[in-house]
Protein backbone atom coordinates (compact mmCIF):
# COMPACT_ATOMS: atom_id res chain seq x y z
CA MET A 1 144.89 135.19 200.60
CA LYS A 2 147.71 135.86 198.18
CA LYS A 3 147.09 138.86 195.95
CA TRP A 4 147.73 138.76 192.22
CA GLY A 5 150.51 141.18 191.25
CA GLY A 6 150.98 142.98 187.94
CA THR A 7 153.65 140.47 186.84
CA SER A 8 151.34 137.48 187.40
CA ILE A 9 148.52 139.10 185.44
CA LEU A 10 150.91 139.87 182.57
CA ILE A 11 152.08 136.23 182.45
CA ILE A 12 148.46 135.02 182.30
CA ILE A 13 147.67 137.45 179.47
CA LEU A 14 150.73 136.25 177.53
CA LEU A 15 149.68 132.61 178.00
CA ILE A 16 146.19 133.38 176.68
CA LEU A 17 147.63 135.15 173.65
CA THR A 18 149.95 132.20 172.99
CA LEU A 19 147.02 129.78 173.07
CA LEU A 20 145.02 131.97 170.74
CA GLY A 21 147.96 132.11 168.38
CA ALA A 22 148.15 128.31 168.30
CA ILE A 23 144.46 128.09 167.52
CA ASN A 24 144.78 130.64 164.76
CA TYR A 25 147.53 128.54 163.15
CA PHE A 26 144.99 125.86 162.32
CA ALA A 27 142.15 128.26 161.58
CA THR A 28 144.06 130.28 159.01
CA PRO A 29 142.43 133.13 157.15
CA VAL A 30 140.56 131.78 154.15
CA LYS A 31 141.67 132.57 150.64
CA LYS A 32 139.42 132.85 147.63
CA TRP A 33 139.95 131.96 144.04
CA GLN A 34 137.77 132.97 141.11
CA MET A 35 136.88 130.12 138.75
CA ALA A 36 137.49 131.32 135.21
CA ASN A 37 134.37 129.76 133.77
CA ASP A 38 131.66 130.81 136.19
CA GLN A 39 133.29 133.34 138.55
CA SER A 40 132.11 131.33 141.58
CA GLN A 41 134.23 131.55 144.69
CA VAL A 42 136.10 128.55 146.02
CA VAL A 43 137.45 128.79 149.54
CA LEU A 44 140.74 127.27 150.63
CA PRO A 45 139.94 125.24 153.77
CA GLN A 46 141.89 124.99 157.00
CA LYS A 47 145.53 124.15 156.64
CA LEU A 48 146.82 120.74 157.62
CA ASP A 49 150.03 120.41 159.61
CA VAL A 50 151.98 118.08 157.34
CA ALA A 51 155.50 118.67 158.59
CA GLN A 52 155.48 115.47 160.65
CA GLU A 53 154.18 113.44 157.69
CA ASN A 54 156.98 114.44 155.33
CA THR A 55 159.76 112.43 156.96
CA ALA A 56 161.64 111.31 153.82
CA GLU A 57 164.85 113.10 152.89
CA PRO A 58 164.42 115.33 149.82
CA SER A 59 167.17 113.38 148.01
CA VAL A 60 165.16 110.14 148.10
CA ARG A 61 161.70 111.47 147.37
CA LEU A 62 160.26 110.02 144.18
CA VAL A 63 158.07 113.07 143.74
CA ASP A 64 161.11 115.26 143.15
CA LYS A 65 161.55 113.64 139.74
CA LEU A 66 158.29 115.19 138.55
CA ALA A 67 157.40 118.68 137.43
CA ASP A 68 154.94 120.59 139.64
CA SER A 69 152.05 119.96 137.25
CA GLU A 70 152.86 116.25 137.15
CA VAL A 71 152.76 116.12 140.95
CA ILE A 72 149.27 117.62 140.97
CA TRP A 73 147.96 115.08 138.45
CA GLN A 74 149.35 112.15 140.46
CA VAL A 75 146.67 112.66 143.12
CA LEU A 76 143.84 112.59 140.55
CA ALA A 77 142.03 109.49 139.28
CA VAL A 78 140.32 110.28 135.97
CA PRO A 79 137.11 108.41 135.02
CA VAL A 80 137.10 106.85 131.54
CA GLU A 81 134.20 105.15 129.76
CA VAL A 82 135.34 102.09 127.82
CA ASP A 83 132.91 101.12 125.05
CA ASP A 84 133.34 97.40 124.44
CA GLN A 85 132.07 97.50 120.87
CA LEU A 86 134.36 100.32 119.76
CA MET A 87 137.33 98.61 121.40
CA GLU A 88 136.38 95.44 119.52
CA VAL A 89 136.66 97.28 116.20
CA SER A 90 140.03 98.81 117.07
CA ARG A 91 141.28 95.38 118.05
CA GLN A 92 140.56 93.78 114.69
CA ASN A 93 143.18 95.80 112.76
CA VAL A 94 140.67 96.72 110.08
CA ASP A 95 141.97 98.44 106.98
CA GLN A 96 141.04 102.07 107.57
CA THR A 97 141.02 102.77 103.84
CA THR A 98 138.31 100.20 103.00
CA ASN A 99 134.64 101.07 103.05
CA GLN A 100 133.87 97.81 104.80
CA GLY A 101 135.90 98.68 107.87
CA LEU A 102 134.68 102.27 107.97
CA ASP A 103 131.04 101.29 107.50
CA GLU A 104 131.32 98.92 110.46
CA ILE A 105 132.58 101.73 112.64
CA GLU A 106 129.90 104.11 111.39
CA SER A 107 127.14 101.64 112.20
CA ILE A 108 128.38 101.18 115.74
CA VAL A 109 128.81 104.89 116.29
CA LYS A 110 125.33 105.75 115.08
CA SER A 111 123.69 103.09 117.22
CA GLN A 112 125.79 103.43 120.37
CA VAL A 113 127.24 106.91 120.48
CA GLY A 114 125.06 109.02 118.20
CA LEU A 115 127.89 110.94 116.59
CA ALA A 116 127.35 112.50 113.16
CA THR A 117 128.47 115.41 111.08
CA GLU A 118 126.09 118.14 109.94
CA SER A 119 125.36 116.14 106.80
CA GLY A 120 124.36 113.16 108.84
CA GLU A 121 127.40 111.18 107.77
CA LEU A 122 130.72 110.65 109.50
CA GLY A 123 133.76 111.80 107.61
CA LYS A 124 136.62 109.40 106.97
CA SER A 125 138.90 111.06 109.55
CA ASP A 126 136.13 110.90 112.15
CA LYS A 127 135.72 107.17 111.59
CA GLN A 128 139.45 106.56 111.75
CA ASN A 129 139.77 108.46 115.01
CA LEU A 130 137.32 106.05 116.60
CA LEU A 131 139.90 103.31 116.13
CA GLY A 132 141.75 104.80 119.07
CA ASP A 133 142.60 108.45 118.49
CA GLY A 134 139.23 109.60 119.81
CA LEU A 135 139.70 107.69 123.03
CA ILE A 136 143.23 109.02 123.36
CA GLU A 137 141.88 112.56 123.10
CA SER A 138 139.60 111.84 126.05
CA LEU A 139 142.66 111.21 128.22
CA PRO A 140 144.48 114.05 129.98
CA ALA A 141 147.71 115.29 128.41
CA THR A 142 149.54 114.95 131.73
CA ALA A 143 149.63 111.43 133.13
CA PRO A 144 147.18 111.20 136.06
CA GLY A 145 147.68 109.02 139.08
CA ALA A 146 145.03 106.64 137.81
CA LEU A 147 142.38 106.01 135.20
CA VAL A 148 139.17 104.51 136.57
CA ILE A 149 137.41 102.27 134.07
CA PHE A 150 133.65 102.56 133.67
CA GLY A 151 131.48 100.71 131.20
CA ASP A 152 129.18 97.75 130.81
CA GLN A 153 129.98 94.17 129.84
CA ILE A 154 133.65 94.99 129.19
CA SER A 155 135.48 91.96 127.82
CA THR A 156 139.02 90.76 128.51
CA SER A 157 140.20 91.74 125.04
CA SER A 158 138.67 95.23 125.31
CA ALA A 159 140.22 95.83 128.72
CA SER A 160 143.59 94.59 127.43
CA SER A 161 143.35 96.81 124.35
CA PHE A 162 142.57 99.82 126.50
CA SER A 163 145.51 98.99 128.77
CA GLN A 164 147.83 98.85 125.75
CA LEU A 165 146.43 102.14 124.48
CA VAL A 166 147.16 103.77 127.83
CA ASP A 167 150.66 102.30 127.89
CA SER A 168 151.47 103.75 124.46
CA THR A 169 149.86 107.12 125.25
CA TYR A 170 151.95 107.68 128.36
CA ALA A 171 155.03 105.67 127.36
CA THR A 172 157.38 108.64 127.70
CA ARG A 173 155.95 109.92 130.97
CA SER A 174 157.82 109.67 134.26
CA ALA A 175 154.95 107.80 135.92
CA GLN A 176 152.25 105.93 134.05
CA PRO A 177 148.69 105.92 135.41
CA TRP A 178 147.24 102.98 137.24
CA LEU A 179 144.22 101.25 135.76
CA VAL A 180 141.50 100.97 138.40
CA VAL A 181 138.19 99.12 138.35
CA ASP A 182 135.27 98.22 140.61
CA HIS A 183 135.14 94.43 140.88
CA GLU A 184 133.03 93.54 143.91
CA GLY A 185 130.80 91.02 142.17
CA GLY A 186 127.03 91.02 141.80
CA THR A 187 125.69 94.41 140.76
CA VAL A 188 129.11 96.10 140.92
CA GLN A 189 131.39 94.45 138.37
CA ARG A 190 132.58 96.50 135.38
CA LEU A 191 134.59 93.66 133.85
CA ARG A 192 131.93 91.06 133.18
CA GLY A 193 132.08 90.56 129.41
CA GLN A 194 133.64 87.67 127.51
CA GLY A 195 136.73 86.31 129.23
CA PHE A 196 135.74 87.35 132.74
CA THR A 197 134.05 85.18 135.34
CA THR A 198 130.71 86.67 136.37
CA LEU A 199 130.94 86.86 140.14
CA PRO A 200 127.99 86.24 142.43
CA SER A 201 127.14 89.00 144.89
CA TRP A 202 129.57 89.65 147.72
CA ARG A 203 126.98 88.41 150.19
CA ARG A 204 126.68 85.12 148.29
CA ILE A 205 130.46 84.79 148.07
CA CYS A 206 130.68 85.08 151.86
CA GLN A 207 128.32 82.12 152.16
CA LEU A 208 130.57 79.84 150.10
CA SER A 209 133.13 77.47 151.60
CA PRO A 210 136.64 78.89 152.13
CA SER A 211 138.04 76.52 149.49
CA THR A 212 135.51 77.74 146.91
CA GLN A 213 136.19 81.35 147.89
CA LEU A 214 139.93 80.79 147.35
CA GLU A 215 139.38 79.23 143.95
CA LEU A 216 137.14 82.13 142.91
CA ALA A 217 139.62 84.69 144.27
CA ASN A 218 142.55 83.15 142.39
CA THR A 219 140.59 82.96 139.14
CA THR A 220 139.41 86.55 139.43
CA SER A 221 142.85 87.87 140.32
CA LEU A 222 144.42 86.20 137.29
CA GLU A 223 141.71 87.47 134.94
CA ILE A 224 141.94 91.11 135.94
CA LYS A 225 145.74 91.02 136.11
CA ASN A 226 145.91 89.70 132.54
CA ALA A 227 143.58 92.54 131.52
CA GLY A 228 146.12 95.11 132.76
CA ILE A 229 144.39 96.18 135.98
CA ASP A 230 146.58 97.60 138.77
CA LEU A 231 144.03 98.48 141.49
CA VAL A 232 140.75 96.78 142.30
CA LEU A 233 138.16 98.67 144.35
CA ALA A 234 137.20 95.70 146.49
CA PRO A 235 136.43 94.01 148.79
CA VAL A 236 133.59 95.75 150.63
CA ILE A 237 134.13 95.27 154.37
CA ASP A 238 131.09 97.15 155.68
CA VAL A 239 129.37 95.11 158.41
CA ALA A 240 125.63 94.53 158.11
CA THR A 241 123.21 91.63 158.29
CA SER A 242 121.03 93.50 155.82
CA SER A 243 121.15 96.92 154.22
CA ALA A 244 118.42 98.74 152.33
CA VAL A 245 121.08 100.77 150.53
CA LEU A 246 124.04 98.43 150.03
CA SER A 247 121.83 95.35 149.67
CA SER A 248 123.85 92.30 148.53
CA ARG A 249 127.06 94.34 148.43
CA VAL A 250 127.52 93.61 152.14
CA CYS A 251 129.04 90.34 153.28
CA SER A 252 127.65 89.69 156.75
CA GLY A 253 126.75 91.16 160.11
CA ASP A 254 129.62 89.15 161.62
CA PRO A 255 132.79 91.30 161.49
CA GLU A 256 135.03 88.25 161.86
CA LEU A 257 133.45 86.57 158.83
CA VAL A 258 133.76 89.82 156.86
CA ALA A 259 137.46 90.04 157.70
CA SER A 260 138.28 86.37 157.08
CA THR A 261 136.52 86.25 153.70
CA SER A 262 138.05 89.55 152.64
CA ALA A 263 141.52 88.32 153.63
CA ILE A 264 141.23 85.44 151.14
CA PHE A 265 140.59 87.84 148.26
CA ILE A 266 143.10 90.42 149.46
CA ASN A 267 145.87 87.85 149.67
CA SER A 268 145.05 86.56 146.20
CA TYR A 269 145.06 90.07 144.72
CA LEU A 270 148.38 90.89 146.35
CA GLN A 271 149.99 87.70 145.10
CA ALA A 272 148.88 88.63 141.58
CA GLY A 273 150.47 92.08 141.92
CA ILE A 274 147.16 93.90 142.23
CA LEU A 275 146.49 96.44 144.98
CA PRO A 276 143.11 95.86 146.64
CA VAL A 277 141.22 98.81 148.12
CA ILE A 278 139.02 97.91 151.08
CA LYS A 279 135.94 100.06 151.59
CA HIS A 280 134.18 102.10 152.96
CA PHE A 281 136.02 103.62 155.97
CA PRO A 282 134.90 104.06 158.72
CA GLY A 283 132.10 101.60 157.86
CA ILE A 284 128.67 102.29 156.38
CA GLY A 285 126.83 99.04 157.04
CA SER A 286 124.08 100.88 158.89
CA VAL A 287 123.65 103.69 156.35
CA GLU A 288 120.01 104.42 155.58
CA VAL A 289 120.38 106.85 152.66
CA ASP A 290 122.02 106.60 149.26
CA LEU A 291 125.12 108.77 149.56
CA HIS A 292 125.08 109.33 145.81
CA LYS A 293 121.86 111.28 146.29
CA GLN A 294 121.97 112.86 149.74
CA PHE A 295 124.06 113.50 152.83
CA GLY A 296 123.98 110.95 155.61
CA ALA A 297 125.25 110.51 159.16
CA ILE A 298 125.56 107.39 161.29
CA ALA A 299 126.89 106.49 164.71
CA VAL A 300 129.90 104.32 163.91
CA GLN A 301 130.16 101.30 166.20
CA SER A 302 133.17 99.21 167.20
CA THR A 303 131.92 96.39 164.99
CA ASP A 304 132.06 98.74 161.97
CA VAL A 305 135.78 99.40 162.32
CA MET A 306 136.76 95.93 163.50
CA PRO A 307 137.39 94.53 159.97
CA PHE A 308 139.61 97.53 159.16
CA HIS A 309 141.77 96.90 162.23
CA SER A 310 141.90 93.18 161.57
CA LEU A 311 142.87 93.46 157.90
CA LEU A 312 145.29 96.38 158.20
CA SER A 313 147.09 94.57 161.00
CA GLN A 314 147.69 91.71 158.55
CA PHE A 315 148.16 93.85 155.43
CA PRO A 316 149.43 97.32 156.45
CA THR A 317 150.02 98.52 152.87
CA LEU A 318 146.50 98.14 151.49
CA GLY A 319 144.43 100.81 149.83
CA VAL A 320 141.53 102.09 151.94
CA MET A 321 138.59 104.01 150.51
CA THR A 322 137.10 106.75 152.67
CA THR A 323 133.38 107.40 152.47
CA HIS A 324 131.26 110.54 152.52
CA ILE A 325 129.23 109.56 155.56
CA SER A 326 129.49 111.57 158.76
CA PRO A 327 130.69 109.20 161.52
CA GLU A 328 128.62 110.99 164.15
CA LYS A 329 124.88 111.54 164.16
CA ASP A 330 125.17 115.21 165.12
CA SER A 331 127.99 116.00 162.67
CA GLN A 332 127.50 117.46 159.21
CA THR A 333 130.94 116.84 157.71
CA ALA A 334 131.72 113.89 155.46
CA CYS A 335 134.55 111.71 156.71
CA SER A 336 136.36 112.08 153.38
CA ARG A 337 136.59 115.86 153.96
CA ASP A 338 137.29 115.64 157.71
CA TYR A 339 140.90 115.43 158.92
CA SER A 340 139.81 114.24 162.37
CA CYS A 341 138.01 111.28 160.78
CA VAL A 342 140.67 110.27 158.25
CA SER A 343 143.44 110.66 160.83
CA GLU A 344 141.75 107.96 162.93
CA LEU A 345 142.91 105.67 160.13
CA THR A 346 146.26 107.19 159.17
CA SER A 347 147.51 107.66 162.74
CA LEU A 348 147.27 103.90 163.32
CA TYR A 349 148.15 102.74 159.81
CA PRO A 350 150.40 105.41 158.26
CA LYS A 351 151.52 103.18 155.37
CA THR A 352 147.98 102.83 154.07
CA LEU A 353 147.16 104.42 150.72
CA VAL A 354 144.02 106.46 151.36
CA ILE A 355 141.63 106.81 148.42
CA SER A 356 138.44 108.84 148.41
CA ASP A 357 135.13 107.57 147.14
CA ALA A 358 133.83 109.50 144.11
CA LEU A 359 133.90 113.14 145.16
CA ASP A 360 131.01 114.14 142.92
CA MET A 361 128.56 112.16 145.07
CA LYS A 362 125.94 114.40 146.69
CA SER A 363 127.07 113.57 150.19
CA ALA A 364 130.58 114.79 149.38
CA LEU A 365 129.26 118.07 147.99
CA TYR A 366 127.08 118.80 151.02
CA ASN A 367 127.33 122.35 152.39
CA SER A 368 126.31 122.27 156.05
CA GLU A 369 125.90 126.05 156.23
CA THR A 370 123.33 126.26 153.45
CA GLN A 371 122.17 122.62 153.74
CA THR A 372 122.53 122.32 149.98
CA TYR A 373 124.83 120.39 147.66
CA ASP A 374 126.61 123.34 146.12
CA THR A 375 130.20 123.04 147.38
CA PRO A 376 132.38 123.50 144.27
CA LEU A 377 134.10 120.28 143.24
CA PRO A 378 137.61 121.84 143.23
CA GLN A 379 137.09 122.89 146.85
CA VAL A 380 135.87 119.42 147.79
CA ALA A 381 138.95 117.93 146.13
CA LEU A 382 141.30 120.18 148.06
CA GLU A 383 139.55 119.51 151.36
CA ALA A 384 139.79 115.78 150.69
CA ILE A 385 143.54 116.04 150.12
CA LEU A 386 144.01 118.09 153.29
CA ALA A 387 141.88 115.61 155.23
CA GLY A 388 144.44 112.91 154.43
CA ASN A 389 143.28 111.27 151.20
CA ASP A 390 146.12 110.50 148.80
CA LEU A 391 144.22 109.67 145.59
CA LEU A 392 140.97 111.40 144.59
CA LEU A 393 138.27 109.49 142.70
CA PHE A 394 135.47 110.88 140.53
CA GLY A 395 132.42 109.30 138.92
CA PRO A 396 131.82 108.93 135.17
CA ALA A 397 129.65 112.08 135.09
CA VAL A 398 132.71 114.24 135.79
CA SER A 399 134.17 115.49 132.50
CA LEU A 400 137.81 115.89 131.58
CA ASP A 401 137.25 119.67 131.50
CA GLU A 402 136.13 119.51 135.14
CA ILE A 403 139.18 117.43 136.06
CA ASN A 404 141.38 120.02 134.37
CA GLN A 405 139.63 122.68 136.45
CA ILE A 406 140.34 120.75 139.62
CA ALA A 407 144.01 120.34 138.67
CA THR A 408 144.28 124.07 138.00
CA TYR A 409 142.76 124.89 141.38
CA LEU A 410 145.01 122.47 143.25
CA GLN A 411 148.01 124.01 141.51
CA PHE A 412 146.79 127.49 142.48
CA ALA A 413 146.39 126.39 146.09
CA ALA A 414 149.83 124.75 146.17
CA ASP A 415 151.50 127.82 144.65
CA ASN A 416 149.96 130.04 147.32
CA ASP A 417 150.40 127.90 150.41
CA PRO A 418 153.55 125.87 151.21
CA ASP A 419 151.64 123.62 153.61
CA ILE A 420 149.15 122.67 150.90
CA LYS A 421 152.01 122.12 148.46
CA GLY A 422 153.72 119.89 151.02
CA ARG A 423 150.59 117.85 151.65
CA ILE A 424 150.04 117.24 147.92
CA GLU A 425 153.68 116.21 147.54
CA VAL A 426 153.38 113.75 150.42
CA ALA A 427 150.30 112.19 148.81
CA ALA A 428 151.92 112.00 145.37
CA ASP A 429 155.11 110.54 146.80
CA LYS A 430 153.17 107.79 148.53
CA ILE A 431 151.37 106.98 145.27
CA LEU A 432 154.68 106.79 143.41
CA SER A 433 156.09 104.51 146.12
CA TYR A 434 153.14 102.16 145.68
CA LYS A 435 153.58 102.27 141.92
CA GLU A 436 157.04 100.77 142.29
CA ILE A 437 155.26 97.60 143.45
CA TYR A 438 151.85 97.75 141.76
CA SER A 439 152.44 99.22 138.33
CA LYS A 440 152.52 98.46 134.63
CA ASN A 441 156.29 98.37 134.75
CA GLU A 442 156.00 95.29 136.94
CA LYS A 443 153.77 93.41 134.53
């Protein structure tokens, strides 16, 4: 038997050290950042190797036209509540100096918003601000990547007025924000006031004839385009015959029917200049818990991902929403925060714009170590970016102050880690590239 010499042993030791060094590259030492408001610690997660993603020459990158702070805000989608009644008042061009116009505003405010001064009356300047200035103040100073519209029974005229308000607010900015809305039909349709067709549930739509589906798709696309919408968070392509959680939001248990029906609406949206966002990758048709309220894990099947493959093969530049489900029963990491999960999508369809589901959902905040929902939102946002999401969504409960906190943390992380900075720039650059096609400037 051949004996091992000193040289051979040294070579083996060097190989082991090399392998350990490679592992340590991905498992970098964690950094901590103190939040100014509560002194809680937020941990920078594992770095993502983004060198291979950033293939564009620096001279042609759209992101280079923006300041560092503007780049950070491009990856954020800010939630905005649109009150249809207040927008109605602002739309009527009432004379702000007449008691009649001011009294009308005051009545609405007291009944709908509950605002009042210490004396129980609204001052004249307060009333006038509600004609638009108050809503403007609820928008971030730096143009975000998107504004996500929330509200109930929003009419065409209110949505159009809000779109015009956003246009004027960010008119001088390098990149205006997208307007984004949920428009699945049934129980999930923000724009359902006067001027909008009230859609049946997605399940019912899938039972209609293809000709009726096309007519409905074309009508809907035109309505939301005229209202100033750039991105629509639909259709839902989760596969399920029935779902205790998603209910009528699912189309069918037949993945081919899900894909074919979705393709009709996707094509219609694209022809209208609207970017559709299919959801929820990698497929949550079998989910048994409400991800808004608790963490969940499923075993993703081939039928779950089939519609994604089918549609992205036809439309490679769609938006895709990642979900907070764990794709494996024994895993405790949400797909939206897991690079290995998101890369299953981006490795096959690199042109896709990846958009997270609302990151304030309980399932996104889940801390597997403590089995609680206490992961700080800024940390969740950073992990989602590093996992491969390009645009980060938040629900209406997240305040502008919290969004500002997230932006500050992302800036801190980018300033202290070139890989994180590079990843954020790649995401922002992709968003800006999409905006050249789906943007207000194209309306």
